[in-house]
Amino acid sequence: MKGGKSKTESMKPHAKLAVKKGAAKKGSKKAGKDPNKPKRPASAFFVFMEEFRKKFSEENPNNKAVSAVGKAAGHKWKSMSDAEKAPYAAKADKRKVEYEKNMKAYNKKQASGANAAEGDESEKSTPEVNGDDEAGDDDGSEEEEDEE
């Protein structure tokens, strides 16, 4: 086999396809996720999946593949009419309303926490700013008025 690649060459990853390790870590200063933040609600399909997984595992106890469950659920979901999907959509809407309520409460906590932190900073800097402003605004006129 002249001109053919050896086994070791064909097994090596292509330079263009190689993943650069640590490249994303160097420049990214992404803030970590807040564990107290509410999780987003499940869509109607995922509400359907919760029930479908139980039924599928009972009907097919030997099939443990997650992909098989997902594929079967996808086919079933596509074959369902809007009327059959309605109960799942209603559950998803309820979860969405609850999520929005929780997010409002979470955002209020975040805002109050940020305001408290800003308040501490502003209180520290306020006397300095006010002291400078008073001296600049007065121009010594009060002292002159008091003397007269």
N, C-alpha and C. Protein backbone atom coordinates (compact mmCIF):
# COMPACT_ATOMS: atom_id res chain seq x y z
N MET A 1 0.84 -1.19 0.00
CA MET A 1 0.00 0.00 0.00
C MET A 1 0.88 1.25 0.00
N LYS A 2 1.25 1.64 -1.16
CA LYS A 2 2.07 2.84 -1.26
C LYS A 2 1.19 4.07 -1.13
N GLY A 3 1.69 5.05 -0.41
CA GLY A 3 1.00 6.33 -0.30
C GLY A 3 -0.15 6.33 0.70
N GLY A 4 -0.45 5.20 1.28
CA GLY A 4 -1.53 5.14 2.26
C GLY A 4 -1.05 5.59 3.63
N LYS A 5 -1.98 6.01 4.44
CA LYS A 5 -1.62 6.45 5.79
C LYS A 5 -1.43 5.23 6.69
N SER A 6 -0.48 5.35 7.58
CA SER A 6 -0.29 4.28 8.54
C SER A 6 -1.41 4.34 9.58
N LYS A 7 -1.54 3.29 10.37
CA LYS A 7 -2.59 3.26 11.38
C LYS A 7 -2.41 4.36 12.41
N THR A 8 -1.18 4.64 12.79
CA THR A 8 -0.95 5.66 13.80
C THR A 8 -1.31 7.04 13.28
N GLU A 9 -1.07 7.30 12.01
CA GLU A 9 -1.42 8.60 11.44
C GLU A 9 -2.93 8.77 11.34
N SER A 10 -3.62 7.72 10.98
CA SER A 10 -5.07 7.83 10.82
C SER A 10 -5.78 7.92 12.17
N MET A 11 -5.13 7.43 13.22
CA MET A 11 -5.73 7.48 14.54
C MET A 11 -5.53 8.83 15.23
N LYS A 12 -4.55 9.62 14.78
CA LYS A 12 -4.29 10.91 15.39
C LYS A 12 -5.41 11.88 15.04
N PRO A 13 -5.81 12.71 15.99
CA PRO A 13 -6.86 13.68 15.69
C PRO A 13 -6.34 14.74 14.73
N HIS A 14 -7.22 15.23 13.93
CA HIS A 14 -6.90 16.28 12.98
C HIS A 14 -6.58 17.57 13.73
N ALA A 15 -5.59 18.32 13.28
CA ALA A 15 -5.19 19.55 13.97
C ALA A 15 -6.32 20.55 14.05
N LYS A 16 -7.14 20.63 13.00
CA LYS A 16 -8.25 21.58 12.98
C LYS A 16 -9.36 21.15 13.94
N LEU A 17 -9.47 19.87 14.19
CA LEU A 17 -10.53 19.35 15.05
C LEU A 17 -10.11 19.26 16.52
N ALA A 18 -8.85 19.49 16.79
CA ALA A 18 -8.35 19.35 18.16
C ALA A 18 -8.98 20.40 19.06
N VAL A 19 -9.33 20.00 20.26
CA VAL A 19 -9.91 20.90 21.25
C VAL A 19 -8.77 21.49 22.06
N LYS A 20 -8.75 22.80 22.15
CA LYS A 20 -7.71 23.46 22.93
C LYS A 20 -8.14 23.49 24.38
N LYS A 21 -7.37 22.82 25.23
CA LYS A 21 -7.72 22.77 26.65
C LYS A 21 -7.30 24.06 27.32
N GLY A 22 -8.19 24.57 28.15
CA GLY A 22 -7.88 25.77 28.92
C GLY A 22 -8.06 27.06 28.15
N ALA A 23 -8.41 27.01 26.89
CA ALA A 23 -8.56 28.23 26.11
C ALA A 23 -9.73 29.06 26.62
N ALA A 24 -10.80 28.40 27.00
CA ALA A 24 -11.97 29.12 27.49
C ALA A 24 -11.74 29.64 28.90
N LYS A 25 -10.90 28.98 29.66
CA LYS A 25 -10.68 29.36 31.05
C LYS A 25 -9.85 30.63 31.18
N LYS A 26 -8.94 30.87 30.25
CA LYS A 26 -8.03 32.00 30.38
C LYS A 26 -8.77 33.33 30.36
N GLY A 27 -9.60 33.56 29.35
CA GLY A 27 -10.21 34.87 29.18
C GLY A 27 -11.57 35.02 29.83
N SER A 28 -12.19 33.94 30.23
CA SER A 28 -13.55 34.06 30.74
C SER A 28 -13.54 34.37 32.22
N LYS A 29 -14.24 35.41 32.58
CA LYS A 29 -14.42 35.77 33.99
C LYS A 29 -15.91 35.77 34.27
N LYS A 30 -16.55 34.70 33.88
CA LYS A 30 -18.00 34.58 34.05
C LYS A 30 -18.32 34.34 35.52
N ALA A 31 -19.33 35.05 35.98
CA ALA A 31 -19.75 34.88 37.38
C ALA A 31 -20.37 33.50 37.55
N GLY A 32 -20.17 32.90 38.70
CA GLY A 32 -20.74 31.60 38.97
C GLY A 32 -22.25 31.67 39.12
N LYS A 33 -22.90 30.53 38.96
CA LYS A 33 -24.35 30.49 39.09
C LYS A 33 -24.75 30.62 40.55
N ASP A 34 -25.84 31.33 40.77
CA ASP A 34 -26.36 31.50 42.12
C ASP A 34 -27.21 30.29 42.47
N PRO A 35 -26.85 29.54 43.51
CA PRO A 35 -27.64 28.35 43.85
C PRO A 35 -29.03 28.69 44.37
N ASN A 36 -29.26 29.93 44.79
CA ASN A 36 -30.57 30.32 45.31
C ASN A 36 -31.54 30.76 44.21
N LYS A 37 -31.03 30.94 43.00
CA LYS A 37 -31.88 31.38 41.89
C LYS A 37 -32.85 30.26 41.50
N PRO A 38 -34.14 30.58 41.33
CA PRO A 38 -35.11 29.54 40.96
C PRO A 38 -34.79 28.93 39.60
N LYS A 39 -35.05 27.64 39.47
CA LYS A 39 -34.82 26.97 38.20
C LYS A 39 -35.95 27.30 37.24
N ARG A 40 -35.62 27.34 35.95
CA ARG A 40 -36.64 27.63 34.96
C ARG A 40 -37.64 26.48 34.90
N PRO A 41 -38.89 26.79 34.58
CA PRO A 41 -39.91 25.73 34.57
C PRO A 41 -39.76 24.82 33.35
N ALA A 42 -40.26 23.61 33.49
CA ALA A 42 -40.22 22.65 32.40
C ALA A 42 -41.27 23.02 31.35
N SER A 43 -40.94 22.77 30.10
CA SER A 43 -41.90 22.99 29.02
C SER A 43 -42.94 21.87 29.04
N ALA A 44 -43.97 22.02 28.22
CA ALA A 44 -45.04 21.02 28.17
C ALA A 44 -44.47 19.64 27.79
N PHE A 45 -43.50 19.63 26.90
CA PHE A 45 -42.90 18.35 26.49
C PHE A 45 -42.20 17.68 27.66
N PHE A 46 -41.49 18.44 28.47
CA PHE A 46 -40.79 17.83 29.60
C PHE A 46 -41.74 17.40 30.71
N VAL A 47 -42.86 18.08 30.84
CA VAL A 47 -43.89 17.62 31.78
C VAL A 47 -44.43 16.28 31.29
N PHE A 48 -44.65 16.17 29.98
CA PHE A 48 -45.08 14.91 29.37
C PHE A 48 -44.04 13.82 29.59
N MET A 49 -42.75 14.19 29.45
CA MET A 49 -41.67 13.22 29.61
C MET A 49 -41.65 12.61 31.01
N GLU A 50 -42.00 13.40 32.03
CA GLU A 50 -42.00 12.88 33.40
C GLU A 50 -42.92 11.68 33.52
N GLU A 51 -44.11 11.80 32.95
CA GLU A 51 -45.07 10.68 33.00
C GLU A 51 -44.65 9.56 32.06
N PHE A 52 -44.18 9.95 30.86
CA PHE A 52 -43.84 8.95 29.86
C PHE A 52 -42.70 8.05 30.31
N ARG A 53 -41.72 8.60 31.02
CA ARG A 53 -40.59 7.79 31.49
C ARG A 53 -41.07 6.66 32.39
N LYS A 54 -42.02 6.98 33.27
CA LYS A 54 -42.53 5.95 34.19
C LYS A 54 -43.23 4.84 33.41
N LYS A 55 -44.10 5.23 32.49
CA LYS A 55 -44.83 4.24 31.69
C LYS A 55 -43.88 3.41 30.85
N PHE A 56 -42.92 4.06 30.22
CA PHE A 56 -41.98 3.37 29.33
C PHE A 56 -41.13 2.37 30.11
N SER A 57 -40.69 2.77 31.31
CA SER A 57 -39.85 1.85 32.09
C SER A 57 -40.65 0.65 32.60
N GLU A 58 -41.96 0.85 32.85
CA GLU A 58 -42.81 -0.28 33.27
C GLU A 58 -43.05 -1.23 32.11
N GLU A 59 -43.28 -0.67 30.92
CA GLU A 59 -43.56 -1.49 29.74
C GLU A 59 -42.30 -2.16 29.20
N ASN A 60 -41.16 -1.49 29.35
CA ASN A 60 -39.90 -2.01 28.82
C ASN A 60 -38.84 -2.05 29.93
N PRO A 61 -38.96 -3.00 30.85
CA PRO A 61 -38.01 -3.03 31.98
C PRO A 61 -36.57 -3.35 31.57
N ASN A 62 -36.39 -4.01 30.44
CA ASN A 62 -35.04 -4.38 30.01
C ASN A 62 -34.33 -3.24 29.30
N ASN A 63 -35.06 -2.27 28.80
CA ASN A 63 -34.47 -1.17 28.05
C ASN A 63 -34.09 -0.05 29.01
N LYS A 64 -32.81 0.12 29.24
CA LYS A 64 -32.32 1.14 30.18
C LYS A 64 -31.72 2.36 29.46
N ALA A 65 -31.70 2.34 28.12
CA ALA A 65 -31.07 3.41 27.37
C ALA A 65 -31.91 4.69 27.43
N VAL A 66 -31.26 5.77 27.83
CA VAL A 66 -31.94 7.07 27.91
C VAL A 66 -32.35 7.52 26.51
N SER A 67 -31.51 7.25 25.53
CA SER A 67 -31.80 7.67 24.17
C SER A 67 -33.07 7.00 23.64
N ALA A 68 -33.27 5.75 24.00
CA ALA A 68 -34.46 5.03 23.54
C ALA A 68 -35.73 5.64 24.13
N VAL A 69 -35.66 6.03 25.39
CA VAL A 69 -36.81 6.66 26.04
C VAL A 69 -37.10 8.00 25.37
N GLY A 70 -36.07 8.77 25.13
CA GLY A 70 -36.23 10.08 24.50
C GLY A 70 -36.81 9.98 23.09
N LYS A 71 -36.32 9.02 22.32
CA LYS A 71 -36.81 8.84 20.96
C LYS A 71 -38.27 8.41 20.97
N ALA A 72 -38.62 7.46 21.83
CA ALA A 72 -40.00 6.99 21.91
C ALA A 72 -40.92 8.12 22.35
N ALA A 73 -40.47 8.92 23.31
CA ALA A 73 -41.29 10.04 23.79
C ALA A 73 -41.47 11.08 22.70
N GLY A 74 -40.41 11.34 21.94
CA GLY A 74 -40.50 12.30 20.84
C GLY A 74 -41.50 11.87 19.79
N HIS A 75 -41.46 10.59 19.43
CA HIS A 75 -42.42 10.07 18.43
C HIS A 75 -43.85 10.17 18.96
N LYS A 76 -44.03 9.80 20.21
CA LYS A 76 -45.37 9.85 20.82
C LYS A 76 -45.87 11.30 20.86
N TRP A 77 -45.00 12.24 21.27
CA TRP A 77 -45.38 13.65 21.38
C TRP A 77 -45.79 14.22 20.02
N LYS A 78 -45.03 13.86 18.99
CA LYS A 78 -45.35 14.35 17.64
C LYS A 78 -46.68 13.80 17.14
N SER A 79 -47.01 12.58 17.54
CA SER A 79 -48.24 11.96 17.07
C SER A 79 -49.47 12.44 17.85
N MET A 80 -49.25 13.10 18.99
CA MET A 80 -50.38 13.55 19.81
C MET A 80 -51.02 14.80 19.20
N SER A 81 -52.34 14.93 19.40
CA SER A 81 -53.05 16.13 18.94
C SER A 81 -52.90 17.23 19.99
N ASP A 82 -53.30 18.43 19.62
CA ASP A 82 -53.22 19.56 20.56
C ASP A 82 -54.10 19.32 21.78
N ALA A 83 -55.23 18.66 21.58
CA ALA A 83 -56.14 18.37 22.69
C ALA A 83 -55.48 17.41 23.69
N GLU A 84 -54.72 16.46 23.17
CA GLU A 84 -54.01 15.52 24.05
C GLU A 84 -52.84 16.19 24.77
N LYS A 85 -52.26 17.21 24.14
CA LYS A 85 -51.14 17.93 24.75
C LYS A 85 -51.60 18.98 25.76
N ALA A 86 -52.88 19.35 25.71
CA ALA A 86 -53.41 20.45 26.53
C ALA A 86 -53.15 20.27 28.04
N PRO A 87 -53.37 19.09 28.62
CA PRO A 87 -53.11 18.97 30.07
C PRO A 87 -51.65 19.24 30.44
N TYR A 88 -50.75 18.82 29.58
CA TYR A 88 -49.32 19.06 29.84
C TYR A 88 -48.99 20.54 29.70
N ALA A 89 -49.62 21.19 28.72
CA ALA A 89 -49.41 22.63 28.54
C ALA A 89 -49.96 23.40 29.75
N ALA A 90 -51.09 22.95 30.28
CA ALA A 90 -51.67 23.61 31.46
C ALA A 90 -50.75 23.48 32.67
N LYS A 91 -50.19 22.28 32.87
CA LYS A 91 -49.25 22.08 33.97
C LYS A 91 -48.01 22.94 33.79
N ALA A 92 -47.54 23.04 32.55
CA ALA A 92 -46.36 23.86 32.26
C ALA A 92 -46.66 25.33 32.53
N ASP A 93 -47.87 25.79 32.19
CA ASP A 93 -48.25 27.18 32.45
C ASP A 93 -48.30 27.47 33.95
N LYS A 94 -48.83 26.52 34.73
CA LYS A 94 -48.86 26.69 36.18
C LYS A 94 -47.45 26.83 36.73
N ARG A 95 -46.56 25.97 36.24
CA ARG A 95 -45.18 26.02 36.71
C ARG A 95 -44.52 27.34 36.30
N LYS A 96 -44.88 27.84 35.12
CA LYS A 96 -44.31 29.10 34.65
C LYS A 96 -44.76 30.26 35.54
N VAL A 97 -46.04 30.27 35.92
CA VAL A 97 -46.57 31.33 36.80
C VAL A 97 -45.86 31.27 38.15
N GLU A 98 -45.68 30.06 38.68
CA GLU A 98 -44.99 29.89 39.96
C GLU A 98 -43.54 30.36 39.84
N TYR A 99 -42.91 30.04 38.74
CA TYR A 99 -41.52 30.46 38.50
C TYR A 99 -41.41 31.97 38.46
N GLU A 100 -42.34 32.61 37.75
CA GLU A 100 -42.30 34.08 37.65
C GLU A 100 -42.48 34.72 39.02
N LYS A 101 -43.36 34.14 39.84
CA LYS A 101 -43.56 34.64 41.19
C LYS A 101 -42.27 34.49 42.01
N ASN A 102 -41.65 33.34 41.91
CA ASN A 102 -40.40 33.09 42.63
C ASN A 102 -39.27 34.01 42.13
N MET A 103 -39.25 34.28 40.83
CA MET A 103 -38.22 35.16 40.28
C MET A 103 -38.40 36.59 40.77
N LYS A 104 -39.65 37.04 40.89
CA LYS A 104 -39.89 38.39 41.41
C LYS A 104 -39.37 38.51 42.84
N ALA A 105 -39.66 37.49 43.63
CA ALA A 105 -39.18 37.48 45.02
C ALA A 105 -37.65 37.43 45.05
N TYR A 106 -37.07 36.61 44.19
CA TYR A 106 -35.61 36.49 44.12
C TYR A 106 -34.99 37.82 43.70
N ASN A 107 -35.57 38.47 42.69
CA ASN A 107 -35.03 39.74 42.22
C ASN A 107 -35.14 40.82 43.28
N LYS A 108 -36.23 40.80 44.07
CA LYS A 108 -36.38 41.76 45.17
C LYS A 108 -35.27 41.55 46.19
N LYS A 109 -34.99 40.29 46.51
CA LYS A 109 -33.92 39.99 47.46
C LYS A 109 -32.58 40.47 46.92
N GLN A 110 -32.37 40.22 45.63
CA GLN A 110 -31.12 40.64 45.01
C GLN A 110 -30.99 42.16 45.03
N ALA A 111 -32.10 42.85 44.72
CA ALA A 111 -32.08 44.31 44.69
C ALA A 111 -31.87 44.87 46.09
N SER A 112 -32.54 44.30 47.07
CA SER A 112 -32.37 44.79 48.44
C SER A 112 -30.97 44.50 48.94
N GLY A 113 -30.43 43.38 48.56
CA GLY A 113 -29.06 43.06 48.93
C GLY A 113 -28.06 43.99 48.26
N ALA A 114 -28.32 44.31 46.99
CA ALA A 114 -27.45 45.23 46.26
C ALA A 114 -27.59 46.64 46.81
N ASN A 115 -28.82 47.04 47.15
CA ASN A 115 -29.05 48.37 47.71
C ASN A 115 -28.37 48.51 49.06
N ALA A 116 -28.42 47.46 49.84
CA ALA A 116 -27.77 47.50 51.15
C ALA A 116 -26.26 47.65 50.97
N ALA A 117 -25.71 46.94 50.01
CA ALA A 117 -24.27 47.03 49.75
C ALA A 117 -23.94 48.42 49.21
N GLU A 118 -24.77 48.94 48.30
CA GLU A 118 -24.55 50.28 47.77
C GLU A 118 -24.73 51.32 48.85
N GLY A 119 -25.70 51.09 49.73
CA GLY A 119 -25.95 52.02 50.83
C GLY A 119 -24.74 52.13 51.73
N ASP A 120 -24.09 51.01 52.00
CA ASP A 120 -22.89 51.05 52.82
C ASP A 120 -21.80 51.86 52.15
N GLU A 121 -21.65 51.65 50.84
CA GLU A 121 -20.62 52.38 50.11
C GLU A 121 -20.97 53.86 50.05
N SER A 122 -22.25 54.17 49.78
CA SER A 122 -22.63 55.56 49.63
C SER A 122 -22.55 56.29 50.96
N GLU A 123 -22.85 55.60 52.07
CA GLU A 123 -22.73 56.23 53.38
C GLU A 123 -21.28 56.57 53.68
N LYS A 124 -20.39 55.70 53.27
CA LYS A 124 -18.98 55.96 53.50
C LYS A 124 -18.50 57.14 52.67
N SER A 125 -18.97 57.23 51.45
CA SER A 125 -18.49 58.28 50.58
C SER A 125 -19.30 59.57 50.72
N THR A 126 -20.48 59.50 51.31
CA THR A 126 -21.34 60.68 51.42
C THR A 126 -20.69 61.81 52.21
N PRO A 127 -20.12 61.58 53.39
CA PRO A 127 -19.53 62.69 54.12
C PRO A 127 -18.43 63.39 53.35
N GLU A 128 -17.64 62.65 52.62
CA GLU A 128 -16.58 63.26 51.84
C GLU A 128 -17.16 64.13 50.73
N VAL A 129 -18.16 63.61 50.04
CA VAL A 129 -18.77 64.35 48.94
C VAL A 129 -19.50 65.57 49.49
N ASN A 130 -20.28 65.38 50.55
CA ASN A 130 -21.02 66.50 51.13
C ASN A 130 -20.07 67.56 51.67
N GLY A 131 -18.99 67.13 52.27
CA GLY A 131 -18.01 68.07 52.79
C GLY A 131 -17.43 68.91 51.65
N ASP A 132 -17.14 68.27 50.51
CA ASP A 132 -16.60 68.99 49.36
C ASP A 132 -17.66 69.90 48.76
N ASP A 133 -18.90 69.39 48.67
CA ASP A 133 -19.98 70.18 48.08
C ASP A 133 -20.28 71.41 48.92
N GLU A 134 -20.32 71.26 50.23
CA GLU A 134 -20.65 72.39 51.09
C GLU A 134 -19.60 73.47 50.97
N ALA A 135 -18.34 73.07 50.93
CA ALA A 135 -17.27 74.04 50.83
C ALA A 135 -17.32 74.73 49.48
N GLY A 136 -17.64 73.96 48.43
CA GLY A 136 -17.71 74.53 47.08
C GLY A 136 -18.92 75.41 46.89
N ASP A 137 -20.06 75.05 47.46
CA ASP A 137 -21.29 75.82 47.28
C ASP A 137 -21.26 77.11 48.09
N ASP A 138 -20.66 77.05 49.26
CA ASP A 138 -20.71 78.20 50.15
C ASP A 138 -19.78 79.31 49.68
N ASP A 139 -18.67 78.96 49.14
CA ASP A 139 -17.66 79.93 48.72
C ASP A 139 -17.28 80.87 49.85
N GLY A 140 -17.47 80.42 51.07
CA GLY A 140 -17.11 81.25 52.20
C GLY A 140 -18.08 82.39 52.45
N SER A 141 -19.22 82.40 51.77
CA SER A 141 -20.19 83.49 51.92
C SER A 141 -20.83 83.47 53.31
N GLU A 142 -21.04 82.26 53.87
CA GLU A 142 -21.64 82.18 55.20
C GLU A 142 -20.73 82.83 56.22
N GLU A 143 -19.44 82.60 56.08
CA GLU A 143 -18.49 83.16 57.01
C GLU A 143 -18.53 84.69 56.93
N GLU A 144 -18.66 85.22 55.71
CA GLU A 144 -18.70 86.65 55.55
C GLU A 144 -20.00 87.21 56.13
N GLU A 145 -21.13 86.47 55.94
CA GLU A 145 -22.40 86.94 56.46
C GLU A 145 -22.40 86.92 57.97
N ASP A 146 -21.76 85.89 58.55
CA ASP A 146 -21.70 85.80 60.00
C ASP A 146 -20.87 86.95 60.59
N GLU A 147 -19.82 87.33 59.88
CA GLU A 147 -18.94 88.38 60.36
C GLU A 147 -19.62 89.73 60.30
N GLU A 148 -20.52 89.94 59.37
CA GLU A 148 -21.15 91.25 59.23
C GLU A 148 -22.17 91.54 60.22
